[in-house]
Amino acid sequence: MKSHEFIRIARTVLEIDARARERAADEVTDHVAAYTPAQASALATLLAATAASEKENAALEAELHAILELTSTGHVRLDDISPLREIALDGLPPRLRAYVSDLLEG
C-alpha cells in the first residue's frame, strides 16, 4: 500500500468518533492483503492500543476483527498486540471477551 494511503488509514483508526473508528477498522479488514509486513504490524499495534481504551462495543468488535485479520497475514507478533492485555475482560460481553482471549493466546 502506498504511504499516503497507509497514513490516511492510520489516522482514521485514531479518530475521536467511535463510529469513525469502527469504519476505519472495517476498512483495515477490507485491505488486509495490500499491507506490507511493516504496515500490518504497525496497524495491529495502533488498533490494539485503540482497543485498549475503547468504550464502544461495536467499535471494539470491529477493531478486534481487524487485528484478527491482520494476524492472519503472519506479519503480526503477539508483542505487537500486547496493549490488548490492558482491556478489563470482566466488563465485556462474552463474545468480545472471547475475541480478546483468542488474540492474546496467539
PDB file of N, CA and C in Angstrom:
ATOM      1  N   MET A   1       0.852  -1.170   0.000  1.00  0.00           N
ATOM      2  CA  MET A   1       0.000   0.000   0.000  1.00  0.00           C
ATOM      3  C   MET A   1       0.899   1.236   0.000  1.00  0.00           C
ATOM      4  N   LYS A   2       0.497   2.211  -0.779  1.00  0.00           N
ATOM      5  CA  LYS A   2       1.271   3.452  -0.845  1.00  0.00           C
ATOM      6  C   LYS A   2       1.232   4.170   0.503  1.00  0.00           C
ATOM      7  N   SER A   3       2.302   4.882   0.782  1.00  0.00           N
ATOM      8  CA  SER A   3       2.460   5.539   2.081  1.00  0.00           C
ATOM      9  C   SER A   3       1.320   6.487   2.416  1.00  0.00           C
ATOM     10  N   HIS A   4       0.875   7.287   1.452  1.00  0.00           N
ATOM     11  CA  HIS A   4      -0.181   8.251   1.763  1.00  0.00           C
ATOM     12  C   HIS A   4      -1.488   7.555   2.143  1.00  0.00           C
ATOM     13  N   GLU A   5      -1.784   6.404   1.533  1.00  0.00           N
ATOM     14  CA  GLU A   5      -2.987   5.650   1.887  1.00  0.00           C
ATOM     15  C   GLU A   5      -2.845   5.029   3.270  1.00  0.00           C
ATOM     16  N   PHE A   6      -1.664   4.511   3.566  1.00  0.00           N
ATOM     17  CA  PHE A   6      -1.408   3.933   4.878  1.00  0.00           C
ATOM     18  C   PHE A   6      -1.584   4.990   5.972  1.00  0.00           C
ATOM     19  N   ILE A   7      -1.024   6.167   5.757  1.00  0.00           N
ATOM     20  CA  ILE A   7      -1.135   7.253   6.738  1.00  0.00           C
ATOM     21  C   ILE A   7      -2.602   7.664   6.918  1.00  0.00           C
ATOM     22  N   ARG A   8      -3.356   7.729   5.833  1.00  0.00           N
ATOM     23  CA  ARG A   8      -4.773   8.081   5.921  1.00  0.00           C
ATOM     24  C   ARG A   8      -5.529   7.058   6.772  1.00  0.00           C
ATOM     25  N   ILE A   9      -5.292   5.778   6.550  1.00  0.00           N
ATOM     26  CA  ILE A   9      -5.971   4.741   7.321  1.00  0.00           C
ATOM     27  C   ILE A   9      -5.534   4.795   8.785  1.00  0.00           C
ATOM     28  N   ALA A  10      -4.243   4.962   9.022  1.00  0.00           N
ATOM     29  CA  ALA A  10      -3.738   5.035  10.395  1.00  0.00           C
ATOM     30  C   ALA A  10      -4.377   6.204  11.145  1.00  0.00           C
ATOM     31  N   ARG A  11      -4.495   7.329  10.487  1.00  0.00           N
ATOM     32  CA  ARG A  11      -5.127   8.495  11.123  1.00  0.00           C
ATOM     33  C   ARG A  11      -6.590   8.229  11.440  1.00  0.00           C
ATOM     34  N   THR A  12      -7.270   7.565  10.542  1.00  0.00           N
ATOM     35  CA  THR A  12      -8.688   7.289  10.727  1.00  0.00           C
ATOM     36  C   THR A  12      -8.916   6.313  11.881  1.00  0.00           C
ATOM     37  N   VAL A  13      -8.012   5.375  12.052  1.00  0.00           N
ATOM     38  CA  VAL A  13      -8.100   4.428  13.169  1.00  0.00           C
ATOM     39  C   VAL A  13      -8.091   5.169  14.502  1.00  0.00           C
ATOM     40  N   LEU A  14      -7.446   6.333  14.536  1.00  0.00           N
ATOM     41  CA  LEU A  14      -7.294   7.097  15.771  1.00  0.00           C
ATOM     42  C   LEU A  14      -8.333   8.213  15.932  1.00  0.00           C
ATOM     43  N   GLU A  15      -9.368   8.215  15.119  1.00  0.00           N
ATOM     44  CA  GLU A  15     -10.409   9.251  15.179  1.00  0.00           C
ATOM     45  C   GLU A  15     -11.045   9.327  16.564  1.00  0.00           C
ATOM     46  N   ILE A  16     -11.567  10.493  16.894  1.00  0.00           N
ATOM     47  CA  ILE A  16     -12.251  10.699  18.181  1.00  0.00           C
ATOM     48  C   ILE A  16     -13.611  10.012  18.180  1.00  0.00           C
ATOM     49  N   ASP A  17     -14.311  10.053  17.066  1.00  0.00           N
ATOM     50  CA  ASP A  17     -15.650   9.489  16.964  1.00  0.00           C
ATOM     51  C   ASP A  17     -15.600   7.958  16.862  1.00  0.00           C
ATOM     52  N   ALA A  18     -16.346   7.273  17.707  1.00  0.00           N
ATOM     53  CA  ALA A  18     -16.356   5.808  17.740  1.00  0.00           C
ATOM     54  C   ALA A  18     -16.827   5.205  16.417  1.00  0.00           C
ATOM     55  N   ARG A  19     -17.824   5.811  15.799  1.00  0.00           N
ATOM     56  CA  ARG A  19     -18.302   5.279  14.512  1.00  0.00           C
ATOM     57  C   ARG A  19     -17.242   5.397  13.431  1.00  0.00           C
ATOM     58  N   ALA A  20     -16.465   6.468  13.472  1.00  0.00           N
ATOM     59  CA  ALA A  20     -15.371   6.625  12.509  1.00  0.00           C
ATOM     60  C   ALA A  20     -14.301   5.568  12.755  1.00  0.00           C
ATOM     61  N   ARG A  21     -14.005   5.270  14.019  1.00  0.00           N
ATOM     62  CA  ARG A  21     -13.030   4.223  14.337  1.00  0.00           C
ATOM     63  C   ARG A  21     -13.528   2.861  13.874  1.00  0.00           C
ATOM     64  N   GLU A  22     -14.812   2.633  14.049  1.00  0.00           N
ATOM     65  CA  GLU A  22     -15.405   1.366  13.608  1.00  0.00           C
ATOM     66  C   GLU A  22     -15.283   1.210  12.092  1.00  0.00           C
ATOM     67  N   ARG A  23     -15.616   2.266  11.366  1.00  0.00           N
ATOM     68  CA  ARG A  23     -15.495   2.229   9.901  1.00  0.00           C
ATOM     69  C   ARG A  23     -14.040   2.051   9.475  1.00  0.00           C
ATOM     70  N   ALA A  24     -13.128   2.704  10.184  1.00  0.00           N
ATOM     71  CA  ALA A  24     -11.699   2.585   9.866  1.00  0.00           C
ATOM     72  C   ALA A  24     -11.219   1.155  10.068  1.00  0.00           C
ATOM     73  N   ALA A  25     -11.653   0.525  11.149  1.00  0.00           N
ATOM     74  CA  ALA A  25     -11.266  -0.863  11.400  1.00  0.00           C
ATOM     75  C   ALA A  25     -11.822  -1.766  10.300  1.00  0.00           C
ATOM     76  N   ASP A  26     -13.053  -1.499   9.871  1.00  0.00           N
ATOM     77  CA  ASP A  26     -13.625  -2.269   8.762  1.00  0.00           C
ATOM     78  C   ASP A  26     -12.805  -2.063   7.485  1.00  0.00           C
ATOM     79  N   GLU A  27     -12.344  -0.850   7.262  1.00  0.00           N
ATOM     80  CA  GLU A  27     -11.521  -0.572   6.081  1.00  0.00           C
ATOM     81  C   GLU A  27     -10.188  -1.302   6.163  1.00  0.00           C
ATOM     82  N   VAL A  28      -9.601  -1.347   7.349  1.00  0.00           N
ATOM     83  CA  VAL A  28      -8.356  -2.109   7.525  1.00  0.00           C
ATOM     84  C   VAL A  28      -8.591  -3.550   7.104  1.00  0.00           C
ATOM     85  N   THR A  29      -9.694  -4.122   7.542  1.00  0.00           N
ATOM     86  CA  THR A  29     -10.031  -5.503   7.202  1.00  0.00           C
ATOM     87  C   THR A  29     -10.197  -5.681   5.692  1.00  0.00           C
ATOM     88  N   ASP A  30     -10.814  -4.711   5.054  1.00  0.00           N
ATOM     89  CA  ASP A  30     -11.055  -4.796   3.611  1.00  0.00           C
ATOM     90  C   ASP A  30      -9.776  -4.814   2.786  1.00  0.00           C
ATOM     91  N   HIS A  31      -8.701  -4.251   3.310  1.00  0.00           N
ATOM     92  CA  HIS A  31      -7.467  -4.104   2.539  1.00  0.00           C
ATOM     93  C   HIS A  31      -6.308  -4.922   3.098  1.00  0.00           C
ATOM     94  N   VAL A  32      -6.597  -5.933   3.892  1.00  0.00           N
ATOM     95  CA  VAL A  32      -5.548  -6.637   4.629  1.00  0.00           C
ATOM     96  C   VAL A  32      -4.455  -7.210   3.724  1.00  0.00           C
ATOM     97  N   ALA A  33      -4.778  -7.590   2.515  1.00  0.00           N
ATOM     98  CA  ALA A  33      -3.779  -8.162   1.606  1.00  0.00           C
ATOM     99  C   ALA A  33      -2.866  -7.103   0.994  1.00  0.00           C
ATOM    100  N   ALA A  34      -3.218  -5.838   1.125  1.00  0.00           N
ATOM    101  CA  ALA A  34      -2.444  -4.766   0.481  1.00  0.00           C
ATOM    102  C   ALA A  34      -1.296  -4.249   1.342  1.00  0.00           C
ATOM    103  N   TYR A  35      -1.247  -4.613   2.618  1.00  0.00           N
ATOM    104  CA  TYR A  35      -0.246  -4.049   3.516  1.00  0.00           C
ATOM    105  C   TYR A  35       1.095  -4.754   3.405  1.00  0.00           C
ATOM    106  N   THR A  36       2.153  -3.967   3.556  1.00  0.00           N
ATOM    107  CA  THR A  36       3.486  -4.562   3.687  1.00  0.00           C
ATOM    108  C   THR A  36       3.562  -5.182   5.080  1.00  0.00           C
ATOM    109  N   PRO A  37       4.550  -6.027   5.338  1.00  0.00           N
ATOM    110  CA  PRO A  37       4.690  -6.584   6.692  1.00  0.00           C
ATOM    111  C   PRO A  37       4.782  -5.496   7.770  1.00  0.00           C
ATOM    112  N   ALA A  38       5.530  -4.449   7.511  1.00  0.00           N
ATOM    113  CA  ALA A  38       5.678  -3.365   8.495  1.00  0.00           C
ATOM    114  C   ALA A  38       4.359  -2.636   8.704  1.00  0.00           C
ATOM    115  N   GLN A  39       3.605  -2.409   7.637  1.00  0.00           N
ATOM    116  CA  GLN A  39       2.316  -1.732   7.760  1.00  0.00           C
ATOM    117  C   GLN A  39       1.324  -2.582   8.544  1.00  0.00           C
ATOM    118  N   ALA A  40       1.290  -3.887   8.289  1.00  0.00           N
ATOM    119  CA  ALA A  40       0.383  -4.778   9.015  1.00  0.00           C
ATOM    120  C   ALA A  40       0.708  -4.761  10.505  1.00  0.00           C
ATOM    121  N   SER A  41       1.981  -4.826  10.817  1.00  0.00           N
ATOM    122  CA  SER A  41       2.414  -4.804  12.211  1.00  0.00           C
ATOM    123  C   SER A  41       2.045  -3.476  12.879  1.00  0.00           C
ATOM    124  N   ALA A  42       2.310  -2.372  12.200  1.00  0.00           N
ATOM    125  CA  ALA A  42       2.019  -1.046  12.752  1.00  0.00           C
ATOM    126  C   ALA A  42       0.517  -0.852  12.954  1.00  0.00           C
ATOM    127  N   LEU A  43      -0.287  -1.257  11.990  1.00  0.00           N
ATOM    128  CA  LEU A  43      -1.740  -1.113  12.131  1.00  0.00           C
ATOM    129  C   LEU A  43      -2.269  -1.974  13.266  1.00  0.00           C
ATOM    130  N   ALA A  44      -1.738  -3.174  13.411  1.00  0.00           N
ATOM    131  CA  ALA A  44      -2.170  -4.038  14.509  1.00  0.00           C
ATOM    132  C   ALA A  44      -1.857  -3.391  15.852  1.00  0.00           C
ATOM    133  N   THR A  45      -0.689  -2.772  15.959  1.00  0.00           N
ATOM    134  CA  THR A  45      -0.311  -2.096  17.201  1.00  0.00           C
ATOM    135  C   THR A  45      -1.230  -0.909  17.469  1.00  0.00           C
ATOM    136  N   LEU A  46      -1.496  -0.104  16.450  1.00  0.00           N
ATOM    137  CA  LEU A  46      -2.410   1.038  16.618  1.00  0.00           C
ATOM    138  C   LEU A  46      -3.817   0.580  17.007  1.00  0.00           C
ATOM    139  N   LEU A  47      -4.295  -0.446  16.345  1.00  0.00           N
ATOM    140  CA  LEU A  47      -5.633  -0.953  16.652  1.00  0.00           C
ATOM    141  C   LEU A  47      -5.695  -1.535  18.061  1.00  0.00           C
ATOM    142  N   ALA A  48      -4.648  -2.228  18.481  1.00  0.00           N
ATOM    143  CA  ALA A  48      -4.627  -2.801  19.828  1.00  0.00           C
ATOM    144  C   ALA A  48      -4.611  -1.702  20.883  1.00  0.00           C
ATOM    145  N   ALA A  49      -3.830  -0.661  20.641  1.00  0.00           N
ATOM    146  CA  ALA A  49      -3.780   0.463  21.587  1.00  0.00           C
ATOM    147  C   ALA A  49      -5.126   1.176  21.637  1.00  0.00           C
ATOM    148  N   THR A  50      -5.765   1.332  20.487  1.00  0.00           N
ATOM    149  CA  THR A  50      -7.083   1.957  20.434  1.00  0.00           C
ATOM    150  C   THR A  50      -8.111   1.083  21.149  1.00  0.00           C
ATOM    151  N   ALA A  51      -8.052  -0.214  20.896  1.00  0.00           N
ATOM    152  CA  ALA A  51      -8.984  -1.148  21.532  1.00  0.00           C
ATOM    153  C   ALA A  51      -8.839  -1.142  23.053  1.00  0.00           C
ATOM    154  N   ALA A  52      -7.625  -0.941  23.530  1.00  0.00           N
ATOM    155  CA  ALA A  52      -7.371  -0.959  24.975  1.00  0.00           C
ATOM    156  C   ALA A  52      -8.124   0.147  25.709  1.00  0.00           C
ATOM    157  N   SER A  53      -8.451   1.213  25.006  1.00  0.00           N
ATOM    158  CA  SER A  53      -9.190   2.301  25.656  1.00  0.00           C
ATOM    159  C   SER A  53     -10.579   2.512  25.045  1.00  0.00           C
ATOM    160  N   GLU A  54     -11.012   1.579  24.215  1.00  0.00           N
ATOM    161  CA  GLU A  54     -12.302   1.707  23.531  1.00  0.00           C
ATOM    162  C   GLU A  54     -13.469   1.569  24.506  1.00  0.00           C
ATOM    163  N   LYS A  55     -14.433   2.461  24.394  1.00  0.00           N
ATOM    164  CA  LYS A  55     -15.624   2.445  25.250  1.00  0.00           C
ATOM    165  C   LYS A  55     -16.858   1.902  24.534  1.00  0.00           C
ATOM    166  N   GLU A  56     -16.840   1.907  23.211  1.00  0.00           N
ATOM    167  CA  GLU A  56     -17.992   1.465  22.421  1.00  0.00           C
ATOM    168  C   GLU A  56     -17.785   0.031  21.935  1.00  0.00           C
ATOM    169  N   ASN A  57     -18.710  -0.859  22.284  1.00  0.00           N
ATOM    170  CA  ASN A  57     -18.555  -2.265  21.935  1.00  0.00           C
ATOM    171  C   ASN A  57     -18.527  -2.527  20.435  1.00  0.00           C
ATOM    172  N   ALA A  58     -19.306  -1.786  19.656  1.00  0.00           N
ATOM    173  CA  ALA A  58     -19.311  -2.002  18.207  1.00  0.00           C
ATOM    174  C   ALA A  58     -17.953  -1.650  17.602  1.00  0.00           C
ATOM    175  N   ALA A  59     -17.372  -0.544  18.050  1.00  0.00           N
ATOM    176  CA  ALA A  59     -16.046  -0.158  17.566  1.00  0.00           C
ATOM    177  C   ALA A  59     -15.005  -1.160  18.032  1.00  0.00           C
ATOM    178  N   LEU A  60     -15.111  -1.610  19.283  1.00  0.00           N
ATOM    179  CA  LEU A  60     -14.160  -2.592  19.808  1.00  0.00           C
ATOM    180  C   LEU A  60     -14.228  -3.886  19.006  1.00  0.00           C
ATOM    181  N   GLU A  61     -15.421  -4.337  18.702  1.00  0.00           N
ATOM    182  CA  GLU A  61     -15.553  -5.564  17.923  1.00  0.00           C
ATOM    183  C   GLU A  61     -14.902  -5.414  16.546  1.00  0.00           C
ATOM    184  N   ALA A  62     -15.112  -4.288  15.893  1.00  0.00           N
ATOM    185  CA  ALA A  62     -14.501  -4.046  14.580  1.00  0.00           C
ATOM    186  C   ALA A  62     -12.980  -3.985  14.696  1.00  0.00           C
ATOM    187  N   GLU A  63     -12.474  -3.361  15.754  1.00  0.00           N
ATOM    188  CA  GLU A  63     -11.026  -3.267  15.960  1.00  0.00           C
ATOM    189  C   GLU A  63     -10.422  -4.651  16.192  1.00  0.00           C
ATOM    190  N   LEU A  64     -11.088  -5.447  17.019  1.00  0.00           N
ATOM    191  CA  LEU A  64     -10.590  -6.796  17.285  1.00  0.00           C
ATOM    192  C   LEU A  64     -10.634  -7.656  16.031  1.00  0.00           C
ATOM    193  N   HIS A  65     -11.690  -7.509  15.244  1.00  0.00           N
ATOM    194  CA  HIS A  65     -11.788  -8.263  13.992  1.00  0.00           C
ATOM    195  C   HIS A  65     -10.656  -7.868  13.036  1.00  0.00           C
ATOM    196  N   ALA A  66     -10.384  -6.582  12.944  1.00  0.00           N
ATOM    197  CA  ALA A  66      -9.296  -6.118  12.074  1.00  0.00           C
ATOM    198  C   ALA A  66      -7.951  -6.678  12.550  1.00  0.00           C
ATOM    199  N   ILE A  67      -7.741  -6.687  13.858  1.00  0.00           N
ATOM    200  CA  ILE A  67      -6.491  -7.256  14.388  1.00  0.00           C
ATOM    201  C   ILE A  67      -6.398  -8.734  14.024  1.00  0.00           C
ATOM    202  N   LEU A  68      -7.494  -9.458  14.182  1.00  0.00           N
ATOM    203  CA  LEU A  68      -7.506 -10.877  13.827  1.00  0.00           C
ATOM    204  C   LEU A  68      -7.142 -11.078  12.359  1.00  0.00           C
ATOM    205  N   GLU A  69      -7.718 -10.269  11.496  1.00  0.00           N
ATOM    206  CA  GLU A  69      -7.410 -10.377  10.066  1.00  0.00           C
ATOM    207  C   GLU A  69      -5.935 -10.048   9.795  1.00  0.00           C
ATOM    208  N   LEU A  70      -5.416  -9.040  10.479  1.00  0.00           N
ATOM    209  CA  LEU A  70      -4.005  -8.685  10.299  1.00  0.00           C
ATOM    210  C   LEU A  70      -3.084  -9.792  10.792  1.00  0.00           C
ATOM    211  N   THR A  71      -3.464 -10.471  11.880  1.00  0.00           N
ATOM    212  CA  THR A  71      -2.625 -11.565  12.369  1.00  0.00           C
ATOM    213  C   THR A  71      -2.587 -12.718  11.374  1.00  0.00           C
ATOM    214  N   SER A  72      -3.631 -12.845  10.573  1.00  0.00           N
ATOM    215  CA  SER A  72      -3.663 -13.928   9.585  1.00  0.00           C
ATOM    216  C   SER A  72      -2.620 -13.745   8.480  1.00  0.00           C
ATOM    217  N   THR A  73      -2.051 -12.549   8.377  1.00  0.00           N
ATOM    218  CA  THR A  73      -1.010 -12.310   7.359  1.00  0.00           C
ATOM    219  C   THR A  73       0.317 -12.940   7.751  1.00  0.00           C
ATOM    220  N   GLY A  74       0.489 -13.260   9.033  1.00  0.00           N
ATOM    221  CA  GLY A  74       1.753 -13.801   9.513  1.00  0.00           C
ATOM    222  C   GLY A  74       2.776 -12.730   9.845  1.00  0.00           C
ATOM    223  N   HIS A  75       2.402 -11.455   9.720  1.00  0.00           N
ATOM    224  CA  HIS A  75       3.337 -10.350   9.952  1.00  0.00           C
ATOM    225  C   HIS A  75       3.147  -9.681  11.313  1.00  0.00           C
ATOM    226  N   VAL A  76       2.178 -10.151  12.076  1.00  0.00           N
ATOM    227  CA  VAL A  76       1.871  -9.539  13.369  1.00  0.00           C
ATOM    228  C   VAL A  76       2.288 -10.507  14.473  1.00  0.00           C
ATOM    229  N   ARG A  77       3.106  -9.993  15.382  1.00  0.00           N
ATOM    230  CA  ARG A  77       3.560 -10.796  16.518  1.00  0.00           C
ATOM    231  C   ARG A  77       2.669 -10.513  17.729  1.00  0.00           C
ATOM    232  N   LEU A  78       2.681 -11.420  18.661  1.00  0.00           N
ATOM    233  CA  LEU A  78       1.909 -11.237  19.885  1.00  0.00           C
ATOM    234  C   LEU A  78       2.330  -9.961  20.598  1.00  0.00           C
ATOM    235  N   ASP A  79       3.609  -9.628  20.544  1.00  0.00           N
ATOM    236  CA  ASP A  79       4.100  -8.402  21.161  1.00  0.00           C
ATOM    237  C   ASP A  79       3.467  -7.159  20.525  1.00  0.00           C
ATOM    238  N   ASP A  80       3.153  -7.225  19.229  1.00  0.00           N
ATOM    239  CA  ASP A  80       2.540  -6.095  18.533  1.00  0.00           C
ATOM    240  C   ASP A  80       1.167  -5.755  19.098  1.00  0.00           C
ATOM    241  N   ILE A  81       0.474  -6.751  19.596  1.00  0.00           N
ATOM    242  CA  ILE A  81      -0.888  -6.531  20.075  1.00  0.00           C
ATOM    243  C   ILE A  81      -0.971  -6.603  21.607  1.00  0.00           C
ATOM    244  N   SER A  82       0.160  -6.476  22.261  1.00  0.00           N
ATOM    245  CA  SER A  82       0.195  -6.559  23.723  1.00  0.00           C
ATOM    246  C   SER A  82      -0.681  -5.516  24.437  1.00  0.00           C
ATOM    247  N   PRO A  83      -0.985  -4.353  23.831  1.00  0.00           N
ATOM    248  CA  PRO A  83      -1.908  -3.434  24.522  1.00  0.00           C
ATOM    249  C   PRO A  83      -3.264  -4.059  24.850  1.00  0.00           C
ATOM    250  N   LEU A  84      -3.627  -5.137  24.163  1.00  0.00           N
ATOM    251  CA  LEU A  84      -4.901  -5.798  24.461  1.00  0.00           C
ATOM    252  C   LEU A  84      -4.939  -6.322  25.895  1.00  0.00           C
ATOM    253  N   ARG A  85      -3.780  -6.540  26.493  1.00  0.00           N
ATOM    254  CA  ARG A  85      -3.724  -7.013  27.889  1.00  0.00           C
ATOM    255  C   ARG A  85      -4.298  -5.973  28.858  1.00  0.00           C
ATOM    256  N   GLU A  86      -4.395  -4.731  28.427  1.00  0.00           N
ATOM    257  CA  GLU A  86      -4.914  -3.660  29.274  1.00  0.00           C
ATOM    258  C   GLU A  86      -6.443  -3.657  29.353  1.00  0.00           C
ATOM    259  N   ILE A  87      -7.095  -4.431  28.510  1.00  0.00           N
ATOM    260  CA  ILE A  87      -8.556  -4.454  28.476  1.00  0.00           C
ATOM    261  C   ILE A  87      -9.091  -5.234  29.676  1.00  0.00           C
ATOM    262  N   ALA A  88     -10.007  -4.623  30.409  1.00  0.00           N
ATOM    263  CA  ALA A  88     -10.664  -5.291  31.541  1.00  0.00           C
ATOM    264  C   ALA A  88     -11.724  -6.242  30.989  1.00  0.00           C
ATOM    265  N   LEU A  89     -11.416  -7.520  30.985  1.00  0.00           N
ATOM    266  CA  LEU A  89     -12.301  -8.505  30.380  1.00  0.00           C
ATOM    267  C   LEU A  89     -13.634  -8.637  31.106  1.00  0.00           C
ATOM    268  N   ASP A  90     -13.654  -8.422  32.404  1.00  0.00           N
ATOM    269  CA  ASP A  90     -14.880  -8.618  33.167  1.00  0.00           C
ATOM    270  C   ASP A  90     -15.984  -7.636  32.787  1.00  0.00           C
ATOM    271  N   GLY A  91     -15.653  -6.529  32.160  1.00  0.00           N
ATOM    272  CA  GLY A  91     -16.656  -5.559  31.757  1.00  0.00           C
ATOM    273  C   GLY A  91     -17.157  -5.745  30.335  1.00  0.00           C
ATOM    274  N   LEU A  92     -16.700  -6.787  29.664  1.00  0.00           N
ATOM    275  CA  LEU A  92     -17.062  -7.004  28.261  1.00  0.00           C
ATOM    276  C   LEU A  92     -18.140  -8.071  28.099  1.00  0.00           C
ATOM    277  N   PRO A  93     -18.929  -7.966  27.028  1.00  0.00           N
ATOM    278  CA  PRO A  93     -19.849  -9.060  26.696  1.00  0.00           C
ATOM    279  C   PRO A  93     -19.016 -10.322  26.398  1.00  0.00           C
ATOM    280  N   PRO A  94     -19.585 -11.497  26.624  1.00  0.00           N
ATOM    281  CA  PRO A  94     -18.833 -12.744  26.431  1.00  0.00           C
ATOM    282  C   PRO A  94     -18.167 -12.892  25.066  1.00  0.00           C
ATOM    283  N   ARG A  95     -18.825 -12.470  23.985  1.00  0.00           N
ATOM    284  CA  ARG A  95     -18.228 -12.644  22.653  1.00  0.00           C
ATOM    285  C   ARG A  95     -16.962 -11.797  22.494  1.00  0.00           C
ATOM    286  N   LEU A  96     -16.947 -10.590  23.081  1.00  0.00           N
ATOM    287  CA  LEU A  96     -15.763  -9.744  22.986  1.00  0.00           C
ATOM    288  C   LEU A  96     -14.656 -10.250  23.907  1.00  0.00           C
ATOM    289  N   ARG A  97     -15.046 -10.779  25.058  1.00  0.00           N
ATOM    290  CA  ARG A  97     -14.069 -11.388  25.965  1.00  0.00           C
ATOM    291  C   ARG A  97     -13.346 -12.529  25.264  1.00  0.00           C
ATOM    292  N   ALA A  98     -14.117 -13.354  24.566  1.00  0.00           N
ATOM    293  CA  ALA A  98     -13.528 -14.495  23.844  1.00  0.00           C
ATOM    294  C   ALA A  98     -12.590 -14.001  22.740  1.00  0.00           C
ATOM    295  N   TYR A  99     -12.982 -12.960  22.036  1.00  0.00           N
ATOM    296  CA  TYR A  99     -12.159 -12.377  20.980  1.00  0.00           C
ATOM    297  C   TYR A  99     -10.792 -11.959  21.532  1.00  0.00           C
ATOM    298  N   VAL A 100     -10.809 -11.218  22.625  1.00  0.00           N
ATOM    299  CA  VAL A 100      -9.558 -10.732  23.224  1.00  0.00           C
ATOM    300  C   VAL A 100      -8.713 -11.911  23.683  1.00  0.00           C
ATOM    301  N   SER A 101      -9.326 -12.846  24.370  1.00  0.00           N
ATOM    302  CA  SER A 101      -8.601 -14.027  24.858  1.00  0.00           C
ATOM    303  C   SER A 101      -7.962 -14.796  23.719  1.00  0.00           C
ATOM    304  N   ASP A 102      -8.725 -15.027  22.664  1.00  0.00           N
ATOM    305  CA  ASP A 102      -8.205 -15.766  21.499  1.00  0.00           C
ATOM    306  C   ASP A 102      -7.013 -15.053  20.879  1.00  0.00           C
ATOM    307  N   LEU A 103      -7.099 -13.741  20.753  1.00  0.00           N
ATOM    308  CA  LEU A 103      -5.984 -12.985  20.162  1.00  0.00           C
ATOM    309  C   LEU A 103      -4.734 -13.072  21.040  1.00  0.00           C
ATOM    310  N   LEU A 104      -4.901 -12.976  22.339  1.00  0.00           N
ATOM    311  CA  LEU A 104      -3.741 -12.988  23.232  1.00  0.00           C
ATOM    312  C   LEU A 104      -3.133 -14.388  23.401  1.00  0.00           C
ATOM    313  N   GLU A 105      -3.929 -15.407  23.112  1.00  0.00           N
ATOM    314  CA  GLU A 105      -3.397 -16.764  23.174  1.00  0.00           C
ATOM    315  C   GLU A 105      -2.620 -17.130  21.923  1.00  0.00           C
ATOM    316  N   GLY A 106      -2.741 -16.281  20.899  1.00  0.00           N
ATOM    317  CA  GLY A 106      -1.992 -16.498  19.664  1.00  0.00           C
ATOM    318  C   GLY A 106      -2.616 -17.543  18.844  1.00  0.00           C
TER     319      GLY A 106
END
